[in-house]
Every structure is written in C-alpha cells, then in structure tokens.
C-alpha atoms as a PDB file:
ATOM      1  CA  MET A   1      23.649 -19.261 -46.712  1.00  0.00           C
ATOM      2  CA  ILE A   2      25.685 -19.068 -43.556  1.00  0.00           C
ATOM      3  CA  ARG A   3      25.787 -14.956 -44.430  1.00  0.00           C
ATOM      4  CA  ALA A   4      21.990 -15.305 -44.535  1.00  0.00           C
ATOM      5  CA  ALA A   5      21.848 -17.000 -41.033  1.00  0.00           C
ATOM      6  CA  PHE A   6      23.796 -14.487 -39.338  1.00  0.00           C
ATOM      7  CA  ILE A   7      21.773 -11.736 -40.837  1.00  0.00           C
ATOM      8  CA  SER A   8      18.507 -13.638 -40.053  1.00  0.00           C
ATOM      9  CA  LEU A   9      20.012 -14.194 -36.288  1.00  0.00           C
ATOM     10  CA  GLY A  10      20.766 -10.500 -35.919  1.00  0.00           C
ATOM     11  CA  LEU A  11      17.521  -9.289 -36.871  1.00  0.00           C
ATOM     12  CA  THR A  12      16.063 -11.392 -34.488  1.00  0.00           C
ATOM     13  CA  GLY A  13      17.996 -10.117 -31.691  1.00  0.00           C
ATOM     14  CA  VAL A  14      17.414  -6.824 -32.816  1.00  0.00           C
ATOM     15  CA  LEU A  15      13.554  -7.263 -33.053  1.00  0.00           C
ATOM     16  CA  ALA A  16      13.578  -9.229 -29.390  1.00  0.00           C
ATOM     17  CA  GLY A  17      15.035  -6.027 -27.882  1.00  0.00           C
ATOM     18  CA  CYS A  18      12.247  -4.163 -29.199  1.00  0.00           C
ATOM     19  CA  VAL A  19       9.517  -6.391 -28.066  1.00  0.00           C
ATOM     20  CA  ASN A  20      10.837  -6.584 -24.344  1.00  0.00           C
ATOM     21  CA  ALA A  21      11.125  -2.659 -24.453  1.00  0.00           C
ATOM     22  CA  GLN A  22       8.526  -1.152 -22.018  1.00  0.00           C
ATOM     23  CA  PRO A  23       7.641   2.398 -21.359  1.00  0.00           C
ATOM     24  CA  GLU A  24       8.815   3.658 -18.517  1.00  0.00           C
ATOM     25  CA  ALA A  25       6.208   4.046 -15.275  1.00  0.00           C
ATOM     26  CA  ALA A  26       5.089   7.244 -14.331  1.00  0.00           C
ATOM     27  CA  PRO A  27       6.610   8.309 -11.228  1.00  0.00           C
ATOM     28  CA  PHE A  28       4.814   7.550  -8.067  1.00  0.00           C
ATOM     29  CA  ARG A  29       3.628  11.219  -6.339  1.00  0.00           C
ATOM     30  CA  PRO A  30       0.897  10.445  -3.905  1.00  0.00           C
ATOM     31  CA  ALA A  31      -1.013  13.007  -2.305  1.00  0.00           C
ATOM     32  CA  TYR A  32      -2.572  12.118   1.388  1.00  0.00           C
ATOM     33  CA  GLN A  33      -5.641  13.986   2.110  1.00  0.00           C
ATOM     34  CA  GLY A  34      -5.924  12.975   5.559  1.00  0.00           C
ATOM     35  CA  ILE A  35      -7.249  10.458   8.279  1.00  0.00           C
ATOM     36  CA  GLU A  36     -10.219  10.329  10.213  1.00  0.00           C
ATOM     37  CA  THR A  37     -10.430   7.700  13.269  1.00  0.00           C
ATOM     38  CA  GLN A  38     -13.517   6.306  15.180  1.00  0.00           C
ATOM     39  CA  LEU A  39     -13.236   4.444  18.103  1.00  0.00           C
ATOM     40  CA  LEU A  40     -15.998   1.928  17.649  1.00  0.00           C
ATOM     41  CA  ASP A  41     -16.070  -0.354  20.492  1.00  0.00           C
ATOM     42  CA  GLY A  42     -13.258  -0.822  23.059  1.00  0.00           C
ATOM     43  CA  ASP A  43     -10.546  -2.116  20.807  1.00  0.00           C
ATOM     44  CA  LEU A  44     -12.054  -1.985  17.335  1.00  0.00           C
ATOM     45  CA  VAL A  45     -11.158   0.953  15.520  1.00  0.00           C
ATOM     46  CA  ASN A  46     -12.384   2.190  12.190  1.00  0.00           C
ATOM     47  CA  PHE A  47     -10.356   4.439   9.758  1.00  0.00           C
ATOM     48  CA  HIS A  48     -11.182   6.520   6.770  1.00  0.00           C
ATOM     49  CA  VAL A  49      -8.321   7.685   4.536  1.00  0.00           C
ATOM     50  CA  ALA A  50      -8.199   9.637   1.393  1.00  0.00           C
ATOM     51  CA  MET A  51      -5.446  10.162  -1.006  1.00  0.00           C
ATOM     52  CA  THR A  52      -4.584  11.269  -5.064  1.00  0.00           C
ATOM     53  CA  GLY A  53      -1.859   9.424  -6.879  1.00  0.00           C
ATOM     54  CA  ALA A  54      -2.485   6.128  -5.851  1.00  0.00           C
ATOM     55  CA  ARG A  55      -1.404   3.614  -8.210  1.00  0.00           C
ATOM     56  CA  THR A  56      -3.892   0.653  -6.859  1.00  0.00           C
ATOM     57  CA  GLY A  57      -5.890   0.201  -4.046  1.00  0.00           C
ATOM     58  CA  GLU A  58      -3.033  -1.389  -2.465  1.00  0.00           C
ATOM     59  CA  ASP A  59      -1.631   2.028  -1.860  1.00  0.00           C
ATOM     60  CA  VAL A  60      -4.823   2.981   0.005  1.00  0.00           C
ATOM     61  CA  ALA A  61      -4.637   0.158   1.969  1.00  0.00           C
ATOM     62  CA  ASP A  62      -1.010   0.608   3.115  1.00  0.00           C
ATOM     63  CA  TYR A  63      -2.043   4.512   4.206  1.00  0.00           C
ATOM     64  CA  ALA A  64      -5.116   2.886   6.207  1.00  0.00           C
ATOM     65  CA  GLU A  65      -2.567   0.087   7.766  1.00  0.00           C
ATOM     66  CA  CYS A  66      -0.094   3.053   8.822  1.00  0.00           C
ATOM     67  CA  ALA A  67      -2.854   4.839  10.508  1.00  0.00           C
ATOM     68  CA  ALA A  68      -3.777   1.796  12.122  1.00  0.00           C
ATOM     69  CA  ALA A  69      -0.384   1.347  13.508  1.00  0.00           C
ATOM     70  CA  GLN A  70       0.452   4.739  14.854  1.00  0.00           C
ATOM     71  CA  TYR A  71      -2.994   4.813  16.436  1.00  0.00           C
ATOM     72  CA  ALA A  72      -2.397   1.740  18.349  1.00  0.00           C
ATOM     73  CA  MET A  73       1.039   2.769  19.558  1.00  0.00           C
ATOM     74  CA  ILE A  74      -0.622   6.256  20.482  1.00  0.00           C
ATOM     75  CA  ARG A  75      -3.006   4.004  22.667  1.00  0.00           C
ATOM     76  CA  GLY A  76       0.077   2.138  24.426  1.00  0.00           C
ATOM     77  CA  TYR A  77      -0.667  -1.212  22.292  1.00  0.00           C
ATOM     78  CA  GLY A  78       1.810  -2.871  20.167  1.00  0.00           C
ATOM     79  CA  PHE A  79      -0.249  -4.836  17.392  1.00  0.00           C
ATOM     80  CA  ALA A  80      -3.495  -4.748  15.389  1.00  0.00           C
ATOM     81  CA  ARG A  81      -5.402  -7.116  13.302  1.00  0.00           C
ATOM     82  CA  HIS A  82      -6.833  -6.267  10.069  1.00  0.00           C
ATOM     83  CA  LEU A  83     -10.635  -6.964   9.764  1.00  0.00           C
ATOM     84  CA  ARG A  84     -11.557  -5.665   6.362  1.00  0.00           C
ATOM     85  CA  THR A  85     -10.659  -2.453   3.866  1.00  0.00           C
ATOM     86  CA  ASN A  86     -13.031  -1.294   1.648  1.00  0.00           C
ATOM     87  CA  ILE A  87     -11.802   1.072  -1.047  1.00  0.00           C
ATOM     88  CA  GLU A  88     -13.250   3.203  -3.731  1.00  0.00           C
ATOM     89  CA  GLN A  89     -12.225   5.769  -6.335  1.00  0.00           C
ATOM     90  CA  GLN A  90     -13.780   8.622  -7.775  1.00  0.00           C
ATOM     91  CA  GLY A  91     -11.849  10.159 -10.351  1.00  0.00           C
ATOM     92  CA  SER A  92      -8.045  10.835  -9.287  1.00  0.00           C
ATOM     93  CA  LEU A  93      -9.517  10.281  -5.480  1.00  0.00           C
ATOM     94  CA  TRP A  94      -9.228   7.373  -3.751  1.00  0.00           C
ATOM     95  CA  ARG A  95     -10.878   6.415  -0.149  1.00  0.00           C
ATOM     96  CA  GLY A  96     -10.405   3.867   1.941  1.00  0.00           C
ATOM     97  CA  ASP A  97     -12.684   2.447   4.748  1.00  0.00           C
ATOM     98  CA  ALA A  98     -10.681   0.084   7.070  1.00  0.00           C
ATOM     99  CA  ILE A  99     -11.424  -1.663  10.466  1.00  0.00           C
ATOM    100  CA  TYR A 100      -8.744  -3.034  12.669  1.00  0.00           C
ATOM    101  CA  THR A 101      -8.704  -4.357  16.452  1.00  0.00           C
ATOM    102  CA  ILE A 102      -5.770  -2.939  18.566  1.00  0.00           C
ATOM    103  CA  SER A 103      -4.237  -4.761  21.532  1.00  0.00           C
ATOM    104  CA  PRO A 104      -1.161  -4.834  23.591  1.00  0.00           C
ATOM    105  CA  ALA A 105      -0.394  -8.428  23.102  1.00  0.00           C
ATOM    106  CA  LEU A 106       0.026 -10.355  19.145  1.00  0.00           C
ATOM    107  CA  PRO A 107      -3.682 -11.525  18.430  1.00  0.00           C
ATOM    108  CA  ARG A 108      -4.676 -14.122  16.819  1.00  0.00           C
ATOM    109  CA  GLY A 109      -5.122 -14.539  13.215  1.00  0.00           C
ATOM    110  CA  VAL A 110      -3.001 -14.015  10.004  1.00  0.00           C
ATOM    111  CA  MET A 111      -3.994 -10.442   9.417  1.00  0.00           C
ATOM    112  CA  THR A 112      -1.652  -9.125  12.247  1.00  0.00           C
ATOM    113  CA  ILE A 113       0.720  -6.304  12.188  1.00  0.00           C
ATOM    114  CA  ASP A 114       3.652  -5.293  14.605  1.00  0.00           C
ATOM    115  CA  ALA A 115       2.829  -1.634  14.803  1.00  0.00           C
ATOM    116  CA  GLU A 116       6.288  -0.327  15.642  1.00  0.00           C
ATOM    117  CA  VAL A 117       7.617  -2.252  12.666  1.00  0.00           C
ATOM    118  CA  VAL A 118       5.026  -0.989  10.473  1.00  0.00           C
ATOM    119  CA  VAL A 119       5.295   2.576  11.578  1.00  0.00           C
ATOM    120  CA  ALA A 120       8.904   2.544  10.909  1.00  0.00           C
ATOM    121  CA  HIS A 121       8.137   1.124   7.348  1.00  0.00           C
ATOM    122  CA  CYS A 122       5.596   3.888   6.788  1.00  0.00           C
ATOM    123  CA  ALA A 123       8.075   6.622   7.842  1.00  0.00           C
ATOM    124  CA  GLU A 124      10.774   5.014   5.419  1.00  0.00           C
ATOM    125  CA  ASN A 125       8.321   5.229   2.637  1.00  0.00           C
ATOM    126  CA  GLY A 126       6.785   8.717   3.620  1.00  0.00           C
ATOM    127  CA  ILE A 127       3.265   7.491   4.259  1.00  0.00           C
ATOM    128  CA  PRO A 128       1.886   9.483   7.061  1.00  0.00           C
ATOM    129  CA  THR A 129       0.182   8.214   9.779  1.00  0.00           C
ATOM    130  CA  VAL A 130      -2.383   9.487  12.553  1.00  0.00           C
END
C-alpha cells in the first residue's frame, strides 16, 4: 500500500510537469515600416506608423509613442500627452494612427510622457523614432 502511494505520487509529479510545460514563444522580430507625422494645429500632432512582426497592438502603440516622444524633443519640447491611438491589422501589416499633444511643461492628464525618458527606452529596445 505504501509502495503504491509512492508510485502514485511519482506519476502525479511527472504528469504535473507535462501540464505546466508551455511551447516556446516565437522570437520577436519586428520590421518597422515607417512613420509619417502631420502637425494638425499648434501642439496637436498625428502620427501614422506601420510595422510587421507585431505581437499585439501594444507593439504598434509603443512605436507611435516613440515617434511622438522624439518629435516633441525635435520641436524643443520635453513632454507629450497621448490622446488616442487607433490600430488596425491587415494580414501581417499593422498600422497605427495616434494623436498626441506636445508641450514644454508637463501637461495635465494621466496619459503623459516624458519625451527624454521615452526616447531612451525606445533606443534600448530598438524601436525607431522620427
């Protein structure tokens, strides 16, 4: 009886290892297809980005955020505030359409970014900017 319990526990451990095993995720190999910027009015800027190899829409949104941060710095501003991002996928091509305001001082709101910090993060992660 004791021997059967040890065998049972041993099989349970082996089976538990099989249940927890997960397939390896495919490596992340994005191909950034470009950024288009359009100044809408004063400090309001529209960014169009395109990429392949995105894992989710979040990768596309990150690409647009990198573009906004660099654009703010180019204009001599230190901050940006995210207003909206629309993302669509057609086959392997992902497109993002994002609108940000740029400003020299920290803008009001919860969706603000420090341009210098974001640009550094983008460089560390190999995400191109404007």
